[in-house]
N, C-alpha and C. Protein backbone atom coordinates (compact mmCIF):
# COMPACT_ATOMS: atom_id res chain seq x y z
N MET A 1 0.85 -1.19 0.00
CA MET A 1 0.00 0.00 0.00
C MET A 1 0.88 1.24 0.00
N THR A 2 0.74 2.09 -1.00
CA THR A 2 1.60 3.27 -1.14
C THR A 2 1.14 4.41 -0.24
N SER A 3 1.99 5.41 -0.14
CA SER A 3 1.65 6.61 0.63
C SER A 3 0.42 7.29 0.04
N PHE A 4 0.31 7.29 -1.28
CA PHE A 4 -0.84 7.91 -1.94
C PHE A 4 -2.14 7.22 -1.52
N ILE A 5 -2.15 5.90 -1.50
CA ILE A 5 -3.35 5.15 -1.10
C ILE A 5 -3.70 5.42 0.35
N LEU A 6 -2.69 5.47 1.21
CA LEU A 6 -2.94 5.80 2.62
C LEU A 6 -3.60 7.17 2.76
N LYS A 7 -3.07 8.15 2.05
CA LYS A 7 -3.63 9.51 2.11
C LYS A 7 -5.05 9.53 1.56
N LEU A 8 -5.29 8.75 0.52
CA LEU A 8 -6.62 8.69 -0.07
C LEU A 8 -7.63 8.11 0.93
N ILE A 9 -7.22 7.08 1.64
CA ILE A 9 -8.08 6.50 2.69
C ILE A 9 -8.35 7.55 3.77
N ALA A 10 -7.29 8.28 4.14
CA ALA A 10 -7.42 9.28 5.21
C ALA A 10 -8.38 10.40 4.83
N ILE A 11 -8.24 10.97 3.63
CA ILE A 11 -9.11 12.10 3.29
C ILE A 11 -10.54 11.64 3.02
N THR A 12 -10.70 10.41 2.54
CA THR A 12 -12.05 9.89 2.31
C THR A 12 -12.79 9.69 3.62
N THR A 13 -12.11 9.07 4.59
CA THR A 13 -12.75 8.84 5.90
C THR A 13 -12.93 10.15 6.66
N MET A 14 -12.03 11.10 6.46
CA MET A 14 -12.19 12.42 7.07
C MET A 14 -13.41 13.13 6.50
N LEU A 15 -13.60 13.03 5.19
CA LEU A 15 -14.77 13.64 4.56
C LEU A 15 -16.06 13.03 5.09
N ILE A 16 -16.08 11.72 5.25
CA ILE A 16 -17.25 11.04 5.81
C ILE A 16 -17.52 11.52 7.23
N ASP A 17 -16.47 11.65 8.00
CA ASP A 17 -16.58 12.13 9.39
C ASP A 17 -17.18 13.53 9.44
N HIS A 18 -16.63 14.43 8.65
CA HIS A 18 -17.10 15.82 8.68
C HIS A 18 -18.49 15.97 8.08
N LEU A 19 -18.82 15.13 7.13
CA LEU A 19 -20.17 15.12 6.60
C LEU A 19 -21.15 14.71 7.69
N GLY A 20 -20.76 13.73 8.50
CA GLY A 20 -21.58 13.32 9.63
C GLY A 20 -21.73 14.43 10.66
N ASP A 21 -20.63 15.15 10.92
CA ASP A 21 -20.69 16.28 11.85
C ASP A 21 -21.69 17.34 11.40
N ALA A 22 -21.62 17.67 10.12
CA ALA A 22 -22.48 18.73 9.59
C ALA A 22 -23.93 18.29 9.45
N TRP A 23 -24.14 17.04 9.10
CA TRP A 23 -25.47 16.54 8.78
C TRP A 23 -26.19 15.97 10.00
N ILE A 24 -25.50 15.14 10.78
CA ILE A 24 -26.14 14.44 11.90
C ILE A 24 -25.67 14.97 13.25
N LYS A 25 -24.75 15.92 13.23
CA LYS A 25 -24.28 16.60 14.44
C LYS A 25 -23.45 15.73 15.36
N HIS A 26 -22.43 15.07 14.83
CA HIS A 26 -21.28 14.56 15.57
C HIS A 26 -21.43 13.19 16.23
N VAL A 27 -22.59 12.59 16.34
CA VAL A 27 -22.68 11.25 16.94
C VAL A 27 -23.41 10.35 15.95
N SER A 28 -22.64 9.65 15.12
CA SER A 28 -23.23 8.80 14.11
C SER A 28 -22.20 7.78 13.66
N PRO A 29 -22.62 6.74 12.95
CA PRO A 29 -21.66 5.77 12.37
C PRO A 29 -20.64 6.45 11.46
N MET A 30 -21.01 7.57 10.88
CA MET A 30 -20.07 8.30 10.02
C MET A 30 -18.88 8.81 10.82
N ASN A 31 -19.13 9.18 12.07
CA ASN A 31 -18.03 9.62 12.93
C ASN A 31 -17.12 8.47 13.33
N LEU A 32 -17.68 7.28 13.44
CA LEU A 32 -16.84 6.11 13.71
C LEU A 32 -15.86 5.89 12.56
N ILE A 33 -16.38 5.94 11.35
CA ILE A 33 -15.53 5.78 10.17
C ILE A 33 -14.46 6.86 10.13
N GLY A 34 -14.83 8.05 10.57
CA GLY A 34 -13.90 9.17 10.55
C GLY A 34 -12.72 9.02 11.47
N ARG A 35 -12.81 8.12 12.48
CA ARG A 35 -11.68 7.91 13.39
C ARG A 35 -10.48 7.31 12.66
N ILE A 36 -10.71 6.75 11.49
CA ILE A 36 -9.62 6.13 10.73
C ILE A 36 -8.63 7.17 10.23
N ALA A 37 -9.09 8.39 10.00
CA ALA A 37 -8.28 9.38 9.29
C ALA A 37 -7.05 9.85 10.05
N PHE A 38 -7.22 10.31 11.29
CA PHE A 38 -6.10 10.98 11.96
C PHE A 38 -4.87 10.10 12.14
N PRO A 39 -4.99 8.85 12.61
CA PRO A 39 -3.77 8.05 12.75
C PRO A 39 -2.97 7.92 11.46
N ILE A 40 -3.65 7.89 10.33
CA ILE A 40 -2.93 7.82 9.05
C ILE A 40 -2.19 9.13 8.79
N PHE A 41 -2.84 10.26 9.04
CA PHE A 41 -2.16 11.55 8.89
C PHE A 41 -0.96 11.65 9.84
N ALA A 42 -1.14 11.15 11.07
CA ALA A 42 -0.06 11.17 12.05
C ALA A 42 1.13 10.34 11.57
N PHE A 43 0.83 9.17 11.03
CA PHE A 43 1.89 8.31 10.50
C PHE A 43 2.61 8.97 9.33
N GLN A 44 1.85 9.66 8.47
CA GLN A 44 2.45 10.33 7.33
C GLN A 44 3.41 11.44 7.76
N VAL A 45 3.10 12.11 8.87
CA VAL A 45 4.00 13.14 9.37
C VAL A 45 5.31 12.52 9.85
N SER A 46 5.23 11.40 10.55
CA SER A 46 6.45 10.73 11.01
C SER A 46 7.29 10.27 9.82
N GLU A 47 6.62 9.79 8.77
CA GLU A 47 7.33 9.40 7.55
C GLU A 47 7.88 10.63 6.83
N GLY A 48 7.11 11.70 6.83
CA GLY A 48 7.55 12.93 6.19
C GLY A 48 8.82 13.47 6.81
N TYR A 49 8.92 13.37 8.14
CA TYR A 49 10.12 13.82 8.84
C TYR A 49 11.35 13.03 8.38
N LEU A 50 11.16 11.75 8.18
CA LEU A 50 12.27 10.90 7.79
C LEU A 50 12.74 11.14 6.35
N HIS A 51 11.82 11.54 5.49
CA HIS A 51 12.13 11.61 4.07
C HIS A 51 12.20 13.02 3.49
N THR A 52 11.82 14.04 4.27
CA THR A 52 11.85 15.38 3.72
C THR A 52 13.28 15.84 3.43
N LYS A 53 13.44 16.59 2.37
CA LYS A 53 14.76 17.13 2.03
C LYS A 53 14.99 18.49 2.68
N ASN A 54 13.90 19.11 3.14
CA ASN A 54 14.01 20.43 3.76
C ASN A 54 12.98 20.54 4.87
N LEU A 55 13.42 20.33 6.10
CA LEU A 55 12.51 20.33 7.24
C LEU A 55 11.88 21.70 7.46
N LYS A 56 12.65 22.76 7.23
CA LYS A 56 12.11 24.11 7.42
C LYS A 56 10.93 24.37 6.47
N LYS A 57 11.08 23.96 5.22
CA LYS A 57 9.99 24.13 4.25
C LYS A 57 8.78 23.28 4.63
N TYR A 58 9.04 22.10 5.15
CA TYR A 58 7.96 21.20 5.58
C TYR A 58 7.18 21.85 6.72
N CYS A 59 7.89 22.38 7.70
CA CYS A 59 7.24 23.06 8.83
C CYS A 59 6.49 24.30 8.36
N LEU A 60 7.12 25.06 7.48
CA LEU A 60 6.48 26.28 6.97
C LEU A 60 5.21 25.95 6.20
N ARG A 61 5.23 24.86 5.44
CA ARG A 61 4.05 24.46 4.68
C ARG A 61 2.90 24.07 5.62
N LEU A 62 3.22 23.31 6.66
CA LEU A 62 2.19 22.94 7.64
C LEU A 62 1.63 24.18 8.34
N PHE A 63 2.52 25.10 8.70
CA PHE A 63 2.09 26.32 9.38
C PHE A 63 1.21 27.17 8.47
N LEU A 64 1.61 27.30 7.20
CA LEU A 64 0.84 28.10 6.25
C LEU A 64 -0.57 27.53 6.07
N PHE A 65 -0.67 26.22 5.92
CA PHE A 65 -1.99 25.61 5.74
C PHE A 65 -2.78 25.60 7.05
N ALA A 66 -2.09 25.62 8.18
CA ALA A 66 -2.78 25.77 9.46
C ALA A 66 -3.48 27.12 9.52
N LEU A 67 -2.79 28.17 9.08
CA LEU A 67 -3.38 29.51 9.07
C LEU A 67 -4.52 29.60 8.05
N ILE A 68 -4.29 29.05 6.86
CA ILE A 68 -5.32 29.09 5.82
C ILE A 68 -6.57 28.33 6.25
N SER A 69 -6.39 27.24 6.98
CA SER A 69 -7.50 26.35 7.32
C SER A 69 -8.29 26.80 8.54
N GLN A 70 -7.72 27.71 9.36
CA GLN A 70 -8.37 27.99 10.64
C GLN A 70 -9.75 28.62 10.49
N LEU A 71 -9.90 29.58 9.60
CA LEU A 71 -11.21 30.21 9.43
C LEU A 71 -12.26 29.21 8.92
N PRO A 72 -11.98 28.45 7.84
CA PRO A 72 -12.95 27.43 7.42
C PRO A 72 -13.23 26.41 8.52
N PHE A 73 -12.21 26.07 9.28
CA PHE A 73 -12.39 25.11 10.36
C PHE A 73 -13.31 25.67 11.44
N MET A 74 -13.11 26.92 11.84
CA MET A 74 -13.95 27.54 12.86
C MET A 74 -15.39 27.68 12.38
N GLN A 75 -15.57 28.05 11.11
CA GLN A 75 -16.92 28.16 10.57
C GLN A 75 -17.62 26.80 10.56
N PHE A 76 -16.90 25.78 10.11
CA PHE A 76 -17.46 24.44 10.08
C PHE A 76 -17.76 23.94 11.49
N TYR A 77 -16.84 24.17 12.41
CA TYR A 77 -16.96 23.73 13.79
C TYR A 77 -18.22 24.32 14.43
N SER A 78 -18.58 25.54 14.04
CA SER A 78 -19.74 26.22 14.62
C SER A 78 -21.06 25.57 14.22
N LEU A 79 -21.04 24.69 13.22
CA LEU A 79 -22.27 24.03 12.78
C LEU A 79 -22.81 23.06 13.83
N TYR A 80 -21.91 22.49 14.64
CA TYR A 80 -22.37 21.44 15.55
C TYR A 80 -21.91 21.59 17.00
N THR A 81 -21.10 22.57 17.31
CA THR A 81 -20.67 22.74 18.70
C THR A 81 -20.17 24.15 18.93
N LYS A 82 -19.97 24.51 20.18
CA LYS A 82 -19.41 25.80 20.55
C LYS A 82 -18.00 25.59 21.09
N GLY A 83 -17.27 26.67 21.19
CA GLY A 83 -15.92 26.58 21.72
C GLY A 83 -14.89 26.88 20.65
N PHE A 84 -13.62 26.83 21.06
CA PHE A 84 -12.52 27.17 20.15
C PHE A 84 -11.54 26.02 20.08
N THR A 85 -11.18 25.62 18.88
CA THR A 85 -10.21 24.56 18.65
C THR A 85 -9.31 24.96 17.50
N LEU A 86 -8.04 24.62 17.61
CA LEU A 86 -7.10 24.84 16.52
C LEU A 86 -7.10 23.62 15.60
N ASN A 87 -7.07 23.85 14.31
CA ASN A 87 -7.25 22.77 13.35
C ASN A 87 -6.09 21.77 13.33
N ILE A 88 -6.30 20.70 12.60
CA ILE A 88 -5.39 19.55 12.63
C ILE A 88 -4.00 19.87 12.13
N PHE A 89 -3.85 20.88 11.28
CA PHE A 89 -2.52 21.23 10.79
C PHE A 89 -1.63 21.74 11.92
N PHE A 90 -2.20 22.43 12.90
CA PHE A 90 -1.41 22.85 14.06
C PHE A 90 -0.92 21.62 14.83
N THR A 91 -1.78 20.62 14.97
CA THR A 91 -1.40 19.38 15.67
C THR A 91 -0.27 18.68 14.93
N LEU A 92 -0.39 18.58 13.62
CA LEU A 92 0.64 17.91 12.82
C LEU A 92 1.96 18.67 12.90
N LEU A 93 1.89 20.00 12.91
CA LEU A 93 3.10 20.82 13.00
C LEU A 93 3.81 20.62 14.33
N VAL A 94 3.06 20.67 15.42
CA VAL A 94 3.68 20.50 16.75
C VAL A 94 4.19 19.07 16.92
N GLY A 95 3.48 18.10 16.36
CA GLY A 95 3.97 16.72 16.39
C GLY A 95 5.29 16.58 15.65
N LEU A 96 5.42 17.26 14.52
CA LEU A 96 6.67 17.27 13.76
C LEU A 96 7.79 17.92 14.57
N LEU A 97 7.47 19.03 15.23
CA LEU A 97 8.47 19.70 16.08
C LEU A 97 8.88 18.83 17.25
N ALA A 98 7.94 18.05 17.79
CA ALA A 98 8.25 17.14 18.90
C ALA A 98 9.28 16.11 18.47
N ILE A 99 9.10 15.55 17.27
CA ILE A 99 10.06 14.59 16.74
C ILE A 99 11.43 15.24 16.55
N PHE A 100 11.43 16.43 15.95
CA PHE A 100 12.68 17.14 15.69
C PHE A 100 13.44 17.45 16.98
N LEU A 101 12.73 17.98 17.98
CA LEU A 101 13.39 18.34 19.24
C LEU A 101 13.87 17.10 20.00
N TYR A 102 13.10 16.03 19.93
CA TYR A 102 13.53 14.77 20.55
C TYR A 102 14.84 14.30 19.92
N ASP A 103 14.91 14.36 18.61
CA ASP A 103 16.14 13.97 17.91
C ASP A 103 17.31 14.86 18.30
N LYS A 104 17.06 16.16 18.40
CA LYS A 104 18.13 17.10 18.75
C LYS A 104 18.68 16.81 20.14
N VAL A 105 17.77 16.63 21.09
CA VAL A 105 18.20 16.40 22.48
C VAL A 105 18.94 15.07 22.61
N THR A 106 18.42 14.05 21.98
CA THR A 106 19.04 12.72 22.11
C THR A 106 20.34 12.59 21.31
N SER A 107 20.68 13.61 20.53
CA SER A 107 21.94 13.58 19.78
C SER A 107 23.07 14.31 20.52
N PHE A 108 22.76 14.93 21.67
CA PHE A 108 23.80 15.62 22.43
C PHE A 108 24.85 14.61 22.92
N GLU A 109 26.10 14.86 22.61
CA GLU A 109 27.16 13.91 22.95
C GLU A 109 27.55 13.98 24.42
N LYS A 110 27.36 15.11 25.07
CA LYS A 110 27.84 15.29 26.45
C LYS A 110 26.92 14.62 27.48
N PHE A 111 25.68 14.30 27.09
CA PHE A 111 24.72 13.76 28.06
C PHE A 111 24.75 12.24 28.06
N ASN A 112 24.46 11.68 29.21
CA ASN A 112 24.26 10.24 29.33
C ASN A 112 23.08 9.82 28.46
N ILE A 113 23.14 8.63 27.84
CA ILE A 113 22.11 8.20 26.91
C ILE A 113 20.73 8.17 27.55
N TYR A 114 20.64 7.73 28.81
CA TYR A 114 19.35 7.65 29.48
C TYR A 114 18.82 9.04 29.81
N LEU A 115 19.74 9.94 30.19
CA LEU A 115 19.35 11.32 30.48
C LEU A 115 18.83 12.00 29.22
N LYS A 116 19.49 11.75 28.09
CA LYS A 116 19.06 12.32 26.82
C LYS A 116 17.64 11.86 26.47
N GLN A 117 17.38 10.58 26.67
CA GLN A 117 16.05 10.05 26.35
C GLN A 117 14.98 10.62 27.25
N VAL A 118 15.32 10.74 28.54
CA VAL A 118 14.36 11.31 29.50
C VAL A 118 14.05 12.76 29.15
N LEU A 119 15.09 13.54 28.86
CA LEU A 119 14.89 14.95 28.49
C LEU A 119 14.06 15.06 27.21
N GLY A 120 14.35 14.20 26.25
CA GLY A 120 13.59 14.21 25.01
C GLY A 120 12.13 13.89 25.24
N LEU A 121 11.85 12.92 26.08
CA LEU A 121 10.47 12.54 26.39
C LEU A 121 9.75 13.64 27.16
N ILE A 122 10.48 14.34 28.02
CA ILE A 122 9.89 15.46 28.76
C ILE A 122 9.46 16.56 27.78
N ILE A 123 10.29 16.84 26.79
CA ILE A 123 9.95 17.85 25.78
C ILE A 123 8.69 17.45 25.02
N VAL A 124 8.63 16.19 24.62
CA VAL A 124 7.44 15.70 23.90
C VAL A 124 6.21 15.81 24.79
N PHE A 125 6.36 15.44 26.06
CA PHE A 125 5.24 15.52 27.02
C PHE A 125 4.77 16.97 27.16
N LEU A 126 5.70 17.90 27.27
CA LEU A 126 5.34 19.32 27.43
C LEU A 126 4.63 19.85 26.18
N LEU A 127 5.09 19.45 25.01
CA LEU A 127 4.43 19.88 23.78
C LEU A 127 3.03 19.27 23.67
N GLY A 128 2.88 18.03 24.12
CA GLY A 128 1.56 17.41 24.14
C GLY A 128 0.63 18.11 25.10
N THR A 129 1.16 18.47 26.27
CA THR A 129 0.37 19.19 27.26
C THR A 129 -0.03 20.57 26.74
N PHE A 130 0.91 21.24 26.09
CA PHE A 130 0.63 22.54 25.47
C PHE A 130 -0.50 22.41 24.45
N SER A 131 -0.46 21.37 23.65
CA SER A 131 -1.49 21.15 22.62
C SER A 131 -2.85 20.90 23.26
N GLN A 132 -2.85 20.21 24.37
CA GLN A 132 -4.12 19.92 25.07
C GLN A 132 -4.69 21.20 25.67
N ILE A 133 -3.84 21.96 26.33
CA ILE A 133 -4.28 23.19 27.00
C ILE A 133 -4.78 24.23 25.98
N CYS A 134 -4.10 24.28 24.84
CA CYS A 134 -4.45 25.27 23.81
C CYS A 134 -5.53 24.78 22.84
N HIS A 135 -6.11 23.63 23.14
CA HIS A 135 -7.24 23.10 22.37
C HIS A 135 -6.89 22.82 20.91
N PHE A 136 -5.76 22.16 20.72
CA PHE A 136 -5.44 21.66 19.38
C PHE A 136 -6.37 20.48 19.11
N ASP A 137 -6.74 20.29 17.85
CA ASP A 137 -7.52 19.12 17.47
C ASP A 137 -6.73 17.85 17.81
N TYR A 138 -7.32 16.96 18.56
CA TYR A 138 -6.73 15.72 19.06
C TYR A 138 -5.75 15.94 20.21
N GLY A 139 -5.37 17.16 20.51
CA GLY A 139 -4.63 17.50 21.71
C GLY A 139 -3.41 16.63 22.00
N PHE A 140 -3.28 16.24 23.27
CA PHE A 140 -2.14 15.45 23.73
C PHE A 140 -2.04 14.14 22.97
N PHE A 141 -3.18 13.49 22.76
CA PHE A 141 -3.21 12.22 22.04
C PHE A 141 -2.60 12.36 20.66
N GLY A 142 -2.92 13.45 19.98
CA GLY A 142 -2.40 13.67 18.63
C GLY A 142 -0.89 13.74 18.59
N ILE A 143 -0.30 14.50 19.51
CA ILE A 143 1.16 14.62 19.56
C ILE A 143 1.79 13.29 19.92
N ALA A 144 1.18 12.59 20.88
CA ALA A 144 1.72 11.30 21.32
C ALA A 144 1.74 10.28 20.20
N VAL A 145 0.68 10.22 19.43
CA VAL A 145 0.59 9.24 18.35
C VAL A 145 1.63 9.53 17.26
N ILE A 146 1.78 10.78 16.87
CA ILE A 146 2.80 11.15 15.88
C ILE A 146 4.18 10.72 16.36
N PHE A 147 4.46 11.01 17.63
CA PHE A 147 5.77 10.68 18.19
C PHE A 147 5.98 9.17 18.29
N LEU A 148 4.96 8.43 18.71
CA LEU A 148 5.09 6.98 18.84
C LEU A 148 5.35 6.31 17.50
N PHE A 149 4.69 6.79 16.46
CA PHE A 149 4.94 6.23 15.13
C PHE A 149 6.40 6.44 14.73
N TYR A 150 6.95 7.58 15.11
CA TYR A 150 8.36 7.84 14.79
C TYR A 150 9.29 7.02 15.69
N LEU A 151 9.02 7.02 16.97
CA LEU A 151 9.90 6.36 17.93
C LEU A 151 10.05 4.87 17.63
N PHE A 152 8.96 4.23 17.25
CA PHE A 152 8.99 2.79 17.00
C PHE A 152 8.93 2.46 15.50
N ARG A 153 9.48 3.33 14.70
CA ARG A 153 9.42 3.16 13.25
C ARG A 153 10.12 1.88 12.77
N ASN A 154 11.11 1.42 13.54
CA ASN A 154 11.87 0.23 13.15
C ASN A 154 11.45 -1.02 13.92
N ASP A 155 10.40 -0.92 14.70
CA ASP A 155 9.92 -2.06 15.48
C ASP A 155 8.40 -2.10 15.35
N ARG A 156 7.91 -2.83 14.37
CA ARG A 156 6.48 -2.83 14.06
C ARG A 156 5.63 -3.29 15.23
N LEU A 157 6.07 -4.33 15.93
CA LEU A 157 5.29 -4.85 17.05
C LEU A 157 5.16 -3.80 18.15
N ALA A 158 6.27 -3.13 18.48
CA ALA A 158 6.23 -2.08 19.49
C ALA A 158 5.34 -0.92 19.04
N MET A 159 5.38 -0.60 17.75
CA MET A 159 4.54 0.47 17.22
C MET A 159 3.07 0.12 17.38
N ILE A 160 2.71 -1.12 17.05
CA ILE A 160 1.32 -1.55 17.16
C ILE A 160 0.86 -1.52 18.61
N ILE A 161 1.67 -2.09 19.50
CA ILE A 161 1.29 -2.17 20.91
C ILE A 161 1.16 -0.77 21.52
N SER A 162 2.13 0.11 21.23
CA SER A 162 2.11 1.46 21.81
C SER A 162 0.92 2.26 21.28
N PHE A 163 0.61 2.09 20.00
CA PHE A 163 -0.52 2.81 19.41
C PHE A 163 -1.84 2.33 20.01
N ILE A 164 -2.03 1.02 20.11
CA ILE A 164 -3.26 0.48 20.69
C ILE A 164 -3.39 0.92 22.15
N THR A 165 -2.28 0.91 22.88
CA THR A 165 -2.29 1.35 24.28
C THR A 165 -2.71 2.82 24.38
N ALA A 166 -2.17 3.66 23.49
CA ALA A 166 -2.53 5.09 23.49
C ALA A 166 -4.02 5.27 23.23
N CYS A 167 -4.58 4.49 22.31
CA CYS A 167 -6.01 4.59 21.99
C CYS A 167 -6.87 4.17 23.18
N ILE A 168 -6.47 3.07 23.82
CA ILE A 168 -7.22 2.58 24.99
C ILE A 168 -7.18 3.61 26.11
N LEU A 169 -6.00 4.21 26.33
CA LEU A 169 -5.87 5.23 27.37
C LEU A 169 -6.73 6.45 27.06
N LYS A 170 -6.72 6.86 25.79
CA LYS A 170 -7.51 8.04 25.39
C LYS A 170 -8.98 7.86 25.75
N TYR A 171 -9.56 6.75 25.33
CA TYR A 171 -10.99 6.56 25.55
C TYR A 171 -11.28 6.04 26.95
N GLY A 172 -10.31 5.40 27.57
CA GLY A 172 -10.46 5.01 28.97
C GLY A 172 -10.55 6.23 29.87
N ILE A 173 -9.71 7.23 29.60
CA ILE A 173 -9.75 8.48 30.36
C ILE A 173 -11.09 9.20 30.14
N SER A 174 -11.60 9.14 28.91
CA SER A 174 -12.91 9.74 28.63
C SER A 174 -14.00 9.07 29.45
N CYS A 175 -13.92 7.75 29.60
CA CYS A 175 -14.89 7.03 30.42
C CYS A 175 -14.81 7.45 31.88
N ILE A 176 -13.58 7.66 32.35
CA ILE A 176 -13.39 8.08 33.75
C ILE A 176 -13.94 9.48 33.97
N LEU A 177 -13.67 10.38 33.02
CA LEU A 177 -14.08 11.78 33.17
C LEU A 177 -15.57 12.00 32.95
N TYR A 178 -16.15 11.28 31.98
CA TYR A 178 -17.52 11.56 31.58
C TYR A 178 -18.48 10.40 31.83
N GLY A 179 -17.98 9.31 32.38
CA GLY A 179 -18.83 8.16 32.63
C GLY A 179 -18.77 7.17 31.48
N PHE A 180 -18.98 5.90 31.78
CA PHE A 180 -18.89 4.87 30.75
C PHE A 180 -20.00 5.05 29.72
N ASN A 181 -19.60 4.90 28.46
CA ASN A 181 -20.54 4.99 27.35
C ASN A 181 -20.07 4.02 26.27
N PRO A 182 -20.94 3.09 25.84
CA PRO A 182 -20.53 2.14 24.78
C PRO A 182 -19.99 2.83 23.53
N TRP A 183 -20.40 4.07 23.32
CA TRP A 183 -19.91 4.84 22.17
C TRP A 183 -18.39 4.91 22.16
N TYR A 184 -17.79 5.02 23.36
CA TYR A 184 -16.33 5.12 23.45
C TYR A 184 -15.66 3.83 22.96
N ILE A 185 -16.31 2.71 23.16
CA ILE A 185 -15.75 1.45 22.68
C ILE A 185 -15.68 1.45 21.16
N GLY A 186 -16.76 1.91 20.52
CA GLY A 186 -16.76 2.02 19.07
C GLY A 186 -15.70 2.97 18.57
N LEU A 187 -15.57 4.11 19.23
CA LEU A 187 -14.55 5.09 18.84
C LEU A 187 -13.15 4.50 18.96
N ALA A 188 -12.91 3.77 20.05
CA ALA A 188 -11.59 3.16 20.27
C ALA A 188 -11.28 2.13 19.18
N ILE A 189 -12.26 1.30 18.85
CA ILE A 189 -12.05 0.26 17.83
C ILE A 189 -11.71 0.88 16.48
N PHE A 190 -12.47 1.90 16.10
CA PHE A 190 -12.24 2.51 14.79
C PHE A 190 -10.99 3.39 14.76
N THR A 191 -10.57 3.89 15.92
CA THR A 191 -9.30 4.63 15.98
C THR A 191 -8.12 3.67 15.84
N ILE A 192 -8.28 2.48 16.37
CA ILE A 192 -7.23 1.46 16.28
C ILE A 192 -7.16 0.86 14.87
N LEU A 193 -8.28 0.77 14.20
CA LEU A 193 -8.39 0.09 12.91
C LEU A 193 -7.34 0.50 11.87
N PRO A 194 -7.01 1.78 11.73
CA PRO A 194 -6.05 2.16 10.67
C PRO A 194 -4.65 1.59 10.83
N ILE A 195 -4.33 1.02 11.99
CA ILE A 195 -3.01 0.40 12.14
C ILE A 195 -2.84 -0.73 11.13
N ILE A 196 -3.96 -1.32 10.71
CA ILE A 196 -3.91 -2.38 9.68
C ILE A 196 -3.40 -1.80 8.37
N PHE A 197 -3.94 -0.67 7.95
CA PHE A 197 -3.50 -0.03 6.71
C PHE A 197 -2.05 0.43 6.81
N ILE A 198 -1.70 0.96 7.98
CA ILE A 198 -0.33 1.44 8.18
C ILE A 198 0.67 0.30 8.08
N CYS A 199 0.30 -0.86 8.60
CA CYS A 199 1.19 -2.02 8.53
C CYS A 199 1.32 -2.57 7.11
N LEU A 200 0.37 -2.23 6.25
CA LEU A 200 0.42 -2.67 4.85
C LEU A 200 1.21 -1.69 3.98
N TYR A 201 1.67 -0.60 4.56
CA TYR A 201 2.43 0.41 3.83
C TYR A 201 3.72 -0.19 3.28
N ASN A 202 3.98 0.03 2.00
CA ASN A 202 5.16 -0.57 1.36
C ASN A 202 6.34 0.38 1.20
N LYS A 203 6.24 1.55 1.84
CA LYS A 203 7.31 2.56 1.82
C LYS A 203 7.55 3.15 0.44
N LYS A 204 6.53 3.10 -0.40
CA LYS A 204 6.59 3.72 -1.72
C LYS A 204 5.61 4.88 -1.79
N GLN A 205 5.96 5.89 -2.56
CA GLN A 205 5.14 7.10 -2.63
C GLN A 205 3.87 6.90 -3.44
N GLY A 206 3.96 6.15 -4.53
CA GLY A 206 2.80 6.00 -5.41
C GLY A 206 2.60 7.24 -6.25
N ILE A 207 1.37 7.49 -6.62
CA ILE A 207 1.06 8.67 -7.44
C ILE A 207 1.45 9.94 -6.68
N LYS A 208 2.16 10.83 -7.35
CA LYS A 208 2.63 12.06 -6.70
C LYS A 208 1.69 13.21 -7.02
N VAL A 209 0.99 13.65 -5.99
CA VAL A 209 0.11 14.82 -6.11
C VAL A 209 0.54 15.79 -5.01
N LYS A 210 1.29 16.80 -5.36
CA LYS A 210 2.07 17.57 -4.40
C LYS A 210 1.26 18.19 -3.27
N HIS A 211 0.27 19.04 -3.59
CA HIS A 211 -0.44 19.77 -2.53
C HIS A 211 -1.93 19.44 -2.46
N LEU A 212 -2.38 18.42 -3.18
CA LEU A 212 -3.80 18.09 -3.21
C LEU A 212 -4.35 17.84 -1.82
N PHE A 213 -3.63 17.06 -1.01
CA PHE A 213 -4.13 16.68 0.30
C PHE A 213 -4.13 17.86 1.27
N TYR A 214 -3.19 18.79 1.07
CA TYR A 214 -3.18 20.00 1.89
C TYR A 214 -4.38 20.89 1.54
N LEU A 215 -4.62 21.05 0.27
CA LEU A 215 -5.70 21.92 -0.18
C LEU A 215 -7.08 21.34 0.11
N PHE A 216 -7.18 20.03 0.12
CA PHE A 216 -8.47 19.38 0.32
C PHE A 216 -9.06 19.74 1.68
N TYR A 217 -8.22 19.86 2.69
CA TYR A 217 -8.71 20.08 4.06
C TYR A 217 -9.50 21.39 4.19
N PRO A 218 -8.91 22.54 3.92
CA PRO A 218 -9.72 23.77 4.04
C PRO A 218 -10.85 23.84 3.02
N ALA A 219 -10.62 23.29 1.81
CA ALA A 219 -11.64 23.38 0.76
C ALA A 219 -12.90 22.62 1.14
N HIS A 220 -12.76 21.40 1.64
CA HIS A 220 -13.96 20.61 1.95
C HIS A 220 -14.69 21.16 3.17
N LEU A 221 -13.94 21.75 4.13
CA LEU A 221 -14.59 22.38 5.29
C LEU A 221 -15.40 23.59 4.85
N PHE A 222 -14.82 24.37 3.95
CA PHE A 222 -15.49 25.57 3.43
C PHE A 222 -16.77 25.19 2.69
N ILE A 223 -16.70 24.17 1.85
CA ILE A 223 -17.86 23.73 1.06
C ILE A 223 -18.95 23.17 1.97
N LEU A 224 -18.59 22.32 2.93
CA LEU A 224 -19.58 21.74 3.84
C LEU A 224 -20.27 22.81 4.67
N TYR A 225 -19.50 23.82 5.08
CA TYR A 225 -20.09 24.90 5.87
C TYR A 225 -21.19 25.61 5.07
N PHE A 226 -20.94 25.92 3.82
CA PHE A 226 -21.92 26.66 3.02
C PHE A 226 -23.10 25.78 2.59
N ILE A 227 -22.91 24.49 2.57
CA ILE A 227 -24.03 23.58 2.26
C ILE A 227 -24.97 23.44 3.45
N PHE A 228 -24.41 23.33 4.66
CA PHE A 228 -25.20 22.96 5.83
C PHE A 228 -25.47 24.11 6.80
N ARG A 229 -24.97 25.28 6.54
CA ARG A 229 -25.16 26.39 7.49
C ARG A 229 -26.65 26.78 7.55
């Protein structure tokens, strides 16, 4: 399964999710399907970090589309809930920075290897906490998943176990905070499901469409808002 196919699965399931948000107001089978999207985007960021030729341009591109997408995202978000959230591009950007800073800290030659790893993990934890406090889409969980995909990139079993554990913790905490709801079980299952597609990834790019997936995000939010407002 190529990177292009993974992205196609991600944007298709994201569109289904957002269509459910706009049409049925956030609690529907369409939202379950939509849980497939983010882990694939998170995995693509970890892969992007490994293969990008220019990290600064990659970060700048994510930041630019985060700014472009925020207004359509806020308009769309207003269709079914109140409050303020920063769109997914901000989450992907901070997740990318978490990977970069972890690499920088763990490459320091003067520090003990265990100290370097602890410091790196503290930085990732702080960025995740920052994302949660500032209401990034997917918050702490989003940063953690991006980082885990990178950290265990060479150990598929560890990647699968850590990802499933993160999903269980995410919805387990929701049950503790808001009370048990069978809905959380469905959300957890469908959030875990994309690990199957990720494990089928063949490390090939496939069809090259440079900015289609970046442009699709604000464009589809804008269109859905004007259809359902």
